[in-house]
Amino acid sequence: MYHMKKATVRDLRYKFPKIEAELLSGEEIEITKRNRVIARLMPVRPQRTKARPDFLKMLRDIYGDKVMKTPGVDLISEQRDRF
């Protein structure tokens, strides 16, 4: 096994901690058996979690600490009554 880019089936059995370390560092490893590549081990890409927008922060950025005289719910209901 040289530079852990290729590993034999035997290496998987007896030197797995080294192979695992290479995978964790992002390295792709080809598995060989009788000098023929039979598989490729690839590290799993971490799943990205979508960040939720912070609407309250957006409102504070826009309006600051202003306190509205009429609650938003009442404004919306008034506009709905118009149509």
C-alpha atoms as a PDB file:
ATOM      1  CA  MET A   1       0.000   0.000   0.000  1.00  0.00           C
ATOM      2  CA  TYR A   2       1.727   3.166  -1.169  1.00  0.00           C
ATOM      3  CA  HIS A   3       0.414   6.569  -0.114  1.00  0.00           C
ATOM      4  CA  MET A   4      -2.927   4.884   0.637  1.00  0.00           C
ATOM      5  CA  LYS A   5      -4.312   5.825  -2.808  1.00  0.00           C
ATOM      6  CA  LYS A   6      -4.640   2.104  -3.484  1.00  0.00           C
ATOM      7  CA  ALA A   7      -5.283  -0.610  -0.943  1.00  0.00           C
ATOM      8  CA  THR A   8      -5.686  -4.337  -1.260  1.00  0.00           C
ATOM      9  CA  VAL A   9      -8.454  -6.392   0.245  1.00  0.00           C
ATOM     10  CA  ARG A  10      -5.891  -7.624   2.752  1.00  0.00           C
ATOM     11  CA  ASP A  11      -4.978  -4.043   3.665  1.00  0.00           C
ATOM     12  CA  LEU A  12      -8.631  -3.391   4.413  1.00  0.00           C
ATOM     13  CA  ARG A  13      -8.633  -6.257   6.849  1.00  0.00           C
ATOM     14  CA  TYR A  14      -5.357  -5.562   8.631  1.00  0.00           C
ATOM     15  CA  LYS A  15      -4.699  -1.826   8.171  1.00  0.00           C
ATOM     16  CA  PHE A  16      -8.190  -0.387   8.309  1.00  0.00           C
ATOM     17  CA  PRO A  17      -7.386   2.370  10.852  1.00  0.00           C
ATOM     18  CA  LYS A  18      -4.866   3.877   8.398  1.00  0.00           C
ATOM     19  CA  ILE A  19      -7.346   3.612   5.535  1.00  0.00           C
ATOM     20  CA  GLU A  20     -10.065   5.152   7.678  1.00  0.00           C
ATOM     21  CA  ALA A  21      -7.789   8.065   8.550  1.00  0.00           C
ATOM     22  CA  GLU A  22      -7.172   8.709   4.857  1.00  0.00           C
ATOM     23  CA  LEU A  23     -10.890   8.607   4.150  1.00  0.00           C
ATOM     24  CA  LEU A  24     -11.576  11.062   6.967  1.00  0.00           C
ATOM     25  CA  SER A  25      -8.999  13.428   5.489  1.00  0.00           C
ATOM     26  CA  GLY A  26     -10.923  13.365   2.197  1.00  0.00           C
ATOM     27  CA  GLU A  27      -8.797  10.925   0.221  1.00  0.00           C
ATOM     28  CA  GLU A  28     -10.355   8.541  -2.311  1.00  0.00           C
ATOM     29  CA  ILE A  29      -8.984   4.997  -2.170  1.00  0.00           C
ATOM     30  CA  GLU A  30      -9.058   2.277  -4.843  1.00  0.00           C
ATOM     31  CA  ILE A  31      -9.458  -1.269  -3.586  1.00  0.00           C
ATOM     32  CA  THR A  32      -7.512  -3.856  -5.544  1.00  0.00           C
ATOM     33  CA  LYS A  33      -7.584  -7.623  -5.675  1.00  0.00           C
ATOM     34  CA  ARG A  34      -4.889  -9.422  -7.666  1.00  0.00           C
ATOM     35  CA  ASN A  35      -3.724  -6.071  -9.076  1.00  0.00           C
ATOM     36  CA  ARG A  36      -7.161  -5.227 -10.472  1.00  0.00           C
ATOM     37  CA  VAL A  37      -9.263  -2.403  -9.148  1.00  0.00           C
ATOM     38  CA  ILE A  38     -12.525  -3.831  -7.847  1.00  0.00           C
ATOM     39  CA  ALA A  39     -13.949  -0.866  -5.950  1.00  0.00           C
ATOM     40  CA  ARG A  40     -13.434   2.723  -4.870  1.00  0.00           C
ATOM     41  CA  LEU A  41     -13.901   3.999  -1.352  1.00  0.00           C
ATOM     42  CA  MET A  42     -14.921   7.623  -1.234  1.00  0.00           C
ATOM     43  CA  PRO A  43     -15.428   9.767   1.867  1.00  0.00           C
ATOM     44  CA  VAL A  44     -18.982  10.791   2.613  1.00  0.00           C
ATOM     45  CA  ARG A  45     -19.625  14.453   2.058  1.00  0.00           C
ATOM     46  CA  PRO A  46     -21.108  16.080   5.122  1.00  0.00           C
ATOM     47  CA  GLN A  47     -24.709  17.071   4.568  1.00  0.00           C
ATOM     48  CA  ARG A  48     -25.300  20.761   4.713  1.00  0.00           C
ATOM     49  CA  THR A  49     -28.097  21.920   6.874  1.00  0.00           C
ATOM     50  CA  LYS A  50     -30.020  24.796   5.440  1.00  0.00           C
ATOM     51  CA  ALA A  51     -29.883  27.757   7.737  1.00  0.00           C
ATOM     52  CA  ARG A  52     -33.284  29.170   8.503  1.00  0.00           C
ATOM     53  CA  PRO A  53     -33.682  32.888   7.978  1.00  0.00           C
ATOM     54  CA  ASP A  54     -34.004  34.910  11.156  1.00  0.00           C
ATOM     55  CA  PHE A  55     -37.052  37.008  10.355  1.00  0.00           C
ATOM     56  CA  LEU A  56     -37.097  38.710  13.736  1.00  0.00           C
ATOM     57  CA  LYS A  57     -33.533  39.935  13.181  1.00  0.00           C
ATOM     58  CA  MET A  58     -34.498  41.179   9.710  1.00  0.00           C
ATOM     59  CA  LEU A  59     -37.406  43.140  11.170  1.00  0.00           C
ATOM     60  CA  ARG A  60     -35.174  44.645  13.848  1.00  0.00           C
ATOM     61  CA  ASP A  61     -32.639  45.639  11.175  1.00  0.00           C
ATOM     62  CA  ILE A  62     -35.366  47.346   9.146  1.00  0.00           C
ATOM     63  CA  TYR A  63     -37.476  48.943  11.871  1.00  0.00           C
ATOM     64  CA  GLY A  64     -35.133  49.069  14.830  1.00  0.00           C
ATOM     65  CA  ASP A  65     -36.907  49.319  18.192  1.00  0.00           C
ATOM     66  CA  LYS A  66     -40.008  51.048  16.838  1.00  0.00           C
ATOM     67  CA  VAL A  67     -43.259  49.960  18.436  1.00  0.00           C
ATOM     68  CA  MET A  68     -46.216  50.141  16.072  1.00  0.00           C
ATOM     69  CA  LYS A  69     -49.400  51.780  17.318  1.00  0.00           C
ATOM     70  CA  THR A  70     -51.577  49.158  15.629  1.00  0.00           C
ATOM     71  CA  PRO A  71     -50.637  45.472  15.681  1.00  0.00           C
ATOM     72  CA  GLY A  72     -49.840  43.868  12.337  1.00  0.00           C
ATOM     73  CA  VAL A  73     -52.750  41.454  12.664  1.00  0.00           C
ATOM     74  CA  ASP A  74     -55.221  44.337  12.794  1.00  0.00           C
ATOM     75  CA  LEU A  75     -53.621  46.013   9.759  1.00  0.00           C
ATOM     76  CA  ILE A  76     -53.908  42.828   7.727  1.00  0.00           C
ATOM     77  CA  SER A  77     -57.535  42.242   8.720  1.00  0.00           C
ATOM     78  CA  GLU A  78     -58.403  45.840   7.770  1.00  0.00           C
ATOM     79  CA  GLN A  79     -56.835  45.375   4.339  1.00  0.00           C
ATOM     80  CA  ARG A  80     -58.714  42.105   3.817  1.00  0.00           C
ATOM     81  CA  ASP A  81     -62.010  43.782   4.672  1.00  0.00           C
ATOM     82  CA  ARG A  82     -61.441  46.356   1.938  1.00  0.00           C
ATOM     83  CA  PHE A  83     -61.582  43.772  -0.855  1.00  0.00           C
END
